[in-house]
Amino acid sequence: MGACQYTNAWKNCATCSFWQGPRQFSEDRNSVTVDNNAQGQCDGFWKGSRKNAKDKCSEWRRWAEIHDWSGVTREIYP
């Protein structure tokens, strides 16, 4: 066993709102930690099937517990 950490840039089951497996978000909410063998029910594309945390599909939606920084712009000051 062991754990994997996926940042908010990953689009897999561990970071998806449809996945109902065991996971823990980081303190800064920028990543998710899951057990290597974690499985959970998919309430999206796979319609109730058990999926591994590392699996992917076309209906991925970001889990609300982690931040989405994709639209953030940074201002650079001289």
Protein backbone atom coordinates (compact mmCIF):
# COMPACT_ATOMS: atom_id res chain seq x y z
CA MET A 1 0.00 0.00 0.00
CA GLY A 2 0.97 3.63 -0.08
CA ALA A 3 -0.50 6.94 -0.97
CA CYS A 4 -0.62 9.05 -4.12
CA GLN A 5 -1.03 12.79 -4.23
CA TYR A 6 -2.74 14.46 -7.18
CA THR A 7 -2.65 18.21 -7.62
CA ASN A 8 -5.64 20.21 -8.84
CA ALA A 9 -4.19 19.97 -12.37
CA TRP A 10 -4.90 16.21 -12.60
CA LYS A 11 -8.13 15.15 -14.26
CA ASN A 12 -8.71 11.70 -12.79
CA CYS A 13 -11.21 10.06 -10.45
CA ALA A 14 -9.34 11.18 -7.32
CA THR A 15 -10.01 14.83 -8.22
CA CYS A 16 -13.49 14.34 -9.70
CA SER A 17 -16.77 15.34 -8.06
CA PHE A 18 -18.51 12.18 -9.37
CA TRP A 19 -16.11 9.79 -7.62
CA GLN A 20 -17.24 8.61 -4.16
CA GLY A 21 -14.00 6.96 -2.99
CA PRO A 22 -11.94 7.73 0.12
CA ARG A 23 -9.66 10.76 -0.27
CA GLN A 24 -8.33 13.68 1.70
CA PHE A 25 -7.71 17.17 0.41
CA SER A 26 -4.56 19.02 1.46
CA GLU A 27 -4.60 21.86 3.96
CA ASP A 28 -4.19 24.42 1.17
CA ARG A 29 -6.82 22.59 -0.93
CA ASN A 30 -4.50 22.36 -3.92
CA SER A 31 -4.20 18.57 -3.96
CA VAL A 32 -5.82 15.28 -2.98
CA THR A 33 -4.20 12.29 -1.28
CA VAL A 34 -5.57 8.79 -1.85
CA ASP A 35 -4.41 5.27 -1.12
CA ASN A 36 -2.80 3.57 -4.14
CA ASN A 37 -5.55 0.94 -4.14
CA ALA A 38 -8.48 3.26 -3.44
CA GLN A 39 -11.69 2.52 -5.28
CA GLY A 40 -15.00 4.29 -5.24
CA GLN A 41 -18.33 4.42 -6.98
CA CYS A 42 -18.62 6.71 -9.99
CA ASP A 43 -21.86 8.69 -10.14
CA GLY A 44 -21.01 10.13 -13.56
CA PHE A 45 -20.07 8.47 -16.83
CA TRP A 46 -19.55 4.99 -15.33
CA LYS A 47 -23.00 5.03 -13.67
CA GLY A 48 -22.33 3.27 -10.38
CA SER A 49 -19.29 1.23 -11.39
CA ARG A 50 -16.36 0.99 -8.99
CA LYS A 51 -13.36 2.88 -10.35
CA ASN A 52 -9.76 3.29 -9.19
CA ALA A 53 -8.61 6.75 -8.07
CA LYS A 54 -6.20 7.00 -11.02
CA ASP A 55 -8.86 6.25 -13.68
CA LYS A 56 -10.09 8.93 -16.09
CA CYS A 57 -13.06 9.66 -18.33
CA SER A 58 -14.56 12.39 -20.50
CA GLU A 59 -17.15 13.56 -17.91
CA TRP A 60 -14.60 14.67 -15.29
CA ARG A 61 -15.69 17.56 -13.07
CA ARG A 62 -13.39 19.14 -10.45
CA TRP A 63 -14.17 18.08 -6.89
CA ALA A 64 -15.48 21.16 -5.05
CA GLU A 65 -13.14 20.58 -2.11
CA ILE A 66 -10.05 21.48 -4.16
CA HIS A 67 -9.26 24.86 -5.67
CA ASP A 68 -9.41 25.63 -9.36
CA TRP A 69 -6.54 27.97 -10.18
CA SER A 70 -6.93 27.71 -13.96
CA GLY A 71 -8.61 31.10 -14.30
CA VAL A 72 -6.32 32.97 -11.92
CA THR A 73 -4.03 35.56 -13.40
CA ARG A 74 -1.04 36.96 -11.63
CA GLU A 75 -0.08 40.60 -11.73
CA ILE A 76 3.59 41.37 -11.84
CA TYR A 77 4.68 44.53 -10.11
CA PRO A 78 7.95 46.30 -11.04
